[in-house]
C-alpha atoms as a PDB file:
ATOM      1  CA  MET A   1      17.289   1.417 -21.340  1.00  0.00           C
ATOM      2  CA  ILE A   2      18.069   0.519 -17.687  1.00  0.00           C
ATOM      3  CA  GLU A   3      21.049  -1.438 -17.313  1.00  0.00           C
ATOM      4  CA  ILE A   4      21.905  -3.642 -14.292  1.00  0.00           C
ATOM      5  CA  THR A   5      25.586  -4.515 -14.644  1.00  0.00           C
ATOM      6  CA  ASP A   6      26.733  -8.286 -14.253  1.00  0.00           C
ATOM      7  CA  THR A   7      28.053  -7.446 -10.925  1.00  0.00           C
ATOM      8  CA  ALA A   8      24.938  -6.085  -9.688  1.00  0.00           C
ATOM      9  CA  ALA A   9      22.914  -8.666 -11.009  1.00  0.00           C
ATOM     10  CA  ALA A  10      25.080 -11.494  -9.462  1.00  0.00           C
ATOM     11  CA  GLU A  11      24.822  -9.573  -5.934  1.00  0.00           C
ATOM     12  CA  LEU A  12      21.023  -9.097  -6.565  1.00  0.00           C
ATOM     13  CA  LYS A  13      20.430 -12.781  -7.339  1.00  0.00           C
ATOM     14  CA  GLN A  14      22.442 -13.617  -4.133  1.00  0.00           C
ATOM     15  CA  LEU A  15      20.511 -11.577  -2.169  1.00  0.00           C
ATOM     16  CA  LEU A  16      17.362 -12.951  -3.728  1.00  0.00           C
ATOM     17  CA  GLU A  17      18.258 -16.312  -2.760  1.00  0.00           C
ATOM     18  CA  LYS A  18      19.268 -15.485   0.710  1.00  0.00           C
ATOM     19  CA  GLU A  19      16.009 -13.674   1.540  1.00  0.00           C
ATOM     20  CA  LYS A  20      14.109 -16.566  -0.082  1.00  0.00           C
ATOM     21  CA  LYS A  21      12.564 -13.985  -2.846  1.00  0.00           C
ATOM     22  CA  THR A  22      13.529 -15.369  -6.254  1.00  0.00           C
ATOM     23  CA  ASP A  23      10.343 -14.416  -7.472  1.00  0.00           C
ATOM     24  CA  HIS A  24      10.929 -10.817  -6.567  1.00  0.00           C
ATOM     25  CA  GLY A  25      12.132  -7.833  -8.668  1.00  0.00           C
ATOM     26  CA  LEU A  26      13.966  -4.202  -8.018  1.00  0.00           C
ATOM     27  CA  ARG A  27      11.660  -1.185  -7.640  1.00  0.00           C
ATOM     28  CA  ILE A  28      13.239   1.987  -8.496  1.00  0.00           C
ATOM     29  CA  PHE A  29      11.512   4.971  -6.944  1.00  0.00           C
ATOM     30  CA  ALA A  30      11.669   8.635  -6.415  1.00  0.00           C
ATOM     31  CA  ALA A  31      13.242   8.955  -2.602  1.00  0.00           C
ATOM     32  CA  GLY A  32      13.374  12.945  -2.409  1.00  0.00           C
ATOM     33  CA  MET A  33      15.194  15.865  -3.770  1.00  0.00           C
ATOM     34  CA  GLY A  34      19.124  16.575  -3.587  1.00  0.00           C
ATOM     35  CA  CYS A  35      21.629  18.933  -5.213  1.00  0.00           C
ATOM     36  CA  SER A  36      21.689  16.915  -8.412  1.00  0.00           C
ATOM     37  CA  GLY A  37      17.989  16.445  -8.560  1.00  0.00           C
ATOM     38  CA  ILE A  38      15.684  13.522  -7.723  1.00  0.00           C
ATOM     39  CA  GLN A  39      17.384  10.986  -5.420  1.00  0.00           C
ATOM     40  CA  TYR A  40      16.292   7.512  -6.140  1.00  0.00           C
ATOM     41  CA  GLY A  41      15.673   4.369  -3.768  1.00  0.00           C
ATOM     42  CA  LEU A  42      15.943   0.828  -4.640  1.00  0.00           C
ATOM     43  CA  THR A  43      13.650  -1.866  -2.841  1.00  0.00           C
ATOM     44  CA  LEU A  44      12.852  -5.751  -3.627  1.00  0.00           C
ATOM     45  CA  GLU A  45       9.140  -6.259  -4.396  1.00  0.00           C
ATOM     46  CA  LYS A  46       7.154  -9.248  -5.372  1.00  0.00           C
ATOM     47  CA  SER A  47       5.145  -7.622  -8.013  1.00  0.00           C
ATOM     48  CA  PRO A  48       4.639  -4.147  -9.576  1.00  0.00           C
ATOM     49  CA  LYS A  49       2.019  -1.857  -8.228  1.00  0.00           C
ATOM     50  CA  ASN A  50      -0.996  -0.847 -10.619  1.00  0.00           C
ATOM     51  CA  GLY A  51       0.179   0.996 -13.635  1.00  0.00           C
ATOM     52  CA  GLU A  52       3.859   0.569 -13.184  1.00  0.00           C
ATOM     53  CA  GLU A  53       6.096  -0.356 -15.977  1.00  0.00           C
ATOM     54  CA  VAL A  54       8.147  -3.729 -16.073  1.00  0.00           C
ATOM     55  CA  LEU A  55      11.684  -4.255 -17.536  1.00  0.00           C
ATOM     56  CA  GLU A  56      13.971  -6.608 -17.423  1.00  0.00           C
ATOM     57  CA  SER A  57      17.888  -6.291 -17.465  1.00  0.00           C
ATOM     58  CA  ASN A  58      20.579  -8.972 -16.832  1.00  0.00           C
ATOM     59  CA  GLY A  59      17.725 -11.498 -15.451  1.00  0.00           C
ATOM     60  CA  ILE A  60      16.402  -8.954 -12.913  1.00  0.00           C
ATOM     61  CA  LYS A  61      12.905  -7.679 -13.288  1.00  0.00           C
ATOM     62  CA  ILE A  62      12.739  -3.822 -12.773  1.00  0.00           C
ATOM     63  CA  PHE A  63       9.344  -1.917 -11.702  1.00  0.00           C
ATOM     64  CA  PHE A  64       9.014   1.790 -11.729  1.00  0.00           C
ATOM     65  CA  ASP A  65       6.451   4.447 -12.017  1.00  0.00           C
ATOM     66  CA  LYS A  66       5.622   5.682 -15.584  1.00  0.00           C
ATOM     67  CA  ASP A  67       6.364   9.063 -14.602  1.00  0.00           C
ATOM     68  CA  LEU A  68      10.052   8.442 -13.729  1.00  0.00           C
ATOM     69  CA  GLN A  69      10.612   6.721 -17.375  1.00  0.00           C
ATOM     70  CA  ASP A  70      12.336   9.647 -18.884  1.00  0.00           C
ATOM     71  CA  ASP A  71      14.399  10.364 -15.903  1.00  0.00           C
ATOM     72  CA  ILE A  72      15.645   6.864 -15.523  1.00  0.00           C
ATOM     73  CA  ALA A  73      15.755   6.032 -19.168  1.00  0.00           C
ATOM     74  CA  GLU A  74      19.804   5.781 -19.147  1.00  0.00           C
ATOM     75  CA  PHE A  75      20.252   4.340 -15.624  1.00  0.00           C
ATOM     76  CA  LYS A  76      23.104   1.926 -14.781  1.00  0.00           C
ATOM     77  CA  ILE A  77      22.816   0.023 -11.621  1.00  0.00           C
ATOM     78  CA  ASP A  78      26.056  -1.445 -10.498  1.00  0.00           C
ATOM     79  CA  PHE A  79      27.536  -2.665  -7.389  1.00  0.00           C
ATOM     80  CA  ILE A  80      30.575  -1.615  -5.511  1.00  0.00           C
ATOM     81  CA  ASP A  81      32.989  -3.359  -3.052  1.00  0.00           C
ATOM     82  CA  ASN A  82      35.765  -1.127  -1.966  1.00  0.00           C
ATOM     83  CA  GLU A  83      37.885   0.388   0.904  1.00  0.00           C
ATOM     84  CA  TYR A  84      34.998   2.834   1.497  1.00  0.00           C
ATOM     85  CA  GLY A  85      32.225   0.093   1.541  1.00  0.00           C
ATOM     86  CA  LYS A  86      29.885  -1.913  -0.415  1.00  0.00           C
ATOM     87  CA  GLY A  87      26.637  -1.493  -1.984  1.00  0.00           C
ATOM     88  CA  PHE A  88      24.532  -0.789  -5.005  1.00  0.00           C
ATOM     89  CA  VAL A  89      25.009   2.544  -6.842  1.00  0.00           C
ATOM     90  CA  ILE A  90      22.898   4.349  -9.572  1.00  0.00           C
ATOM     91  CA  ASP A  91      24.597   6.205 -12.423  1.00  0.00           C
ATOM     92  CA  ASN A  92      22.233   8.631 -13.961  1.00  0.00           C
ATOM     93  CA  PRO A  93      23.798  10.425 -16.781  1.00  0.00           C
ATOM     94  CA  ASN A  94      20.691  12.663 -16.906  1.00  0.00           C
ATOM     95  CA  ALA A  95      21.445  14.378 -13.514  1.00  0.00           C
ATOM     96  CA  LYS A  96      22.044  17.948 -13.352  1.00  0.00           C
ATOM     97  CA  CYS A  97      23.535  19.917 -10.481  1.00  0.00           C
ATOM     98  CA  GLY A  98      21.265  22.383  -8.994  1.00  0.00           C
ATOM     99  CA  SER A  99      22.430  26.101  -7.983  1.00  0.00           C
ATOM    100  CA  GLY A 100      24.876  25.924  -5.128  1.00  0.00           C
ATOM    101  CA  CYS A 101      26.131  22.665  -5.560  1.00  0.00           C
ATOM    102  CA  SER A 102      29.641  21.399  -6.418  1.00  0.00           C
ATOM    103  CA  CYS A 103      28.705  18.100  -8.192  1.00  0.00           C
ATOM    104  CA  GLY A 104      31.174  15.826 -10.154  1.00  0.00           C
END
C-alpha cells in the first residue's frame, strides 16, 4: 500500500488549492533509471489514464500504471523542509543498489 504522510498530504492539499486543482490527484510514474533502479516522478493530474490503478492515501488520490504496482507497493511519500531545501521525497524500501553504486 502506498502511504502519503500527514505532512505530505497537507502540502499536497495546499498546493492543489493554490493551483485551483482540488479535483486532481497525484500520478506516480517511472522517470528513468538510476544506480538504485527505477527513478520515479510525481505530477498532478485530473484523472487516471486508461488502465491506470487508482488508490487513495490520506485524502489524496494516487494514479499509477499497473506495471509499477509491485515496485511501488511499499512507497512512502513524505515532504521535507530543512536547511538543505524542501520538497517531496519517496522512500522505497524495495530499491536495490546496482553495481558500482554507493547507496545508503
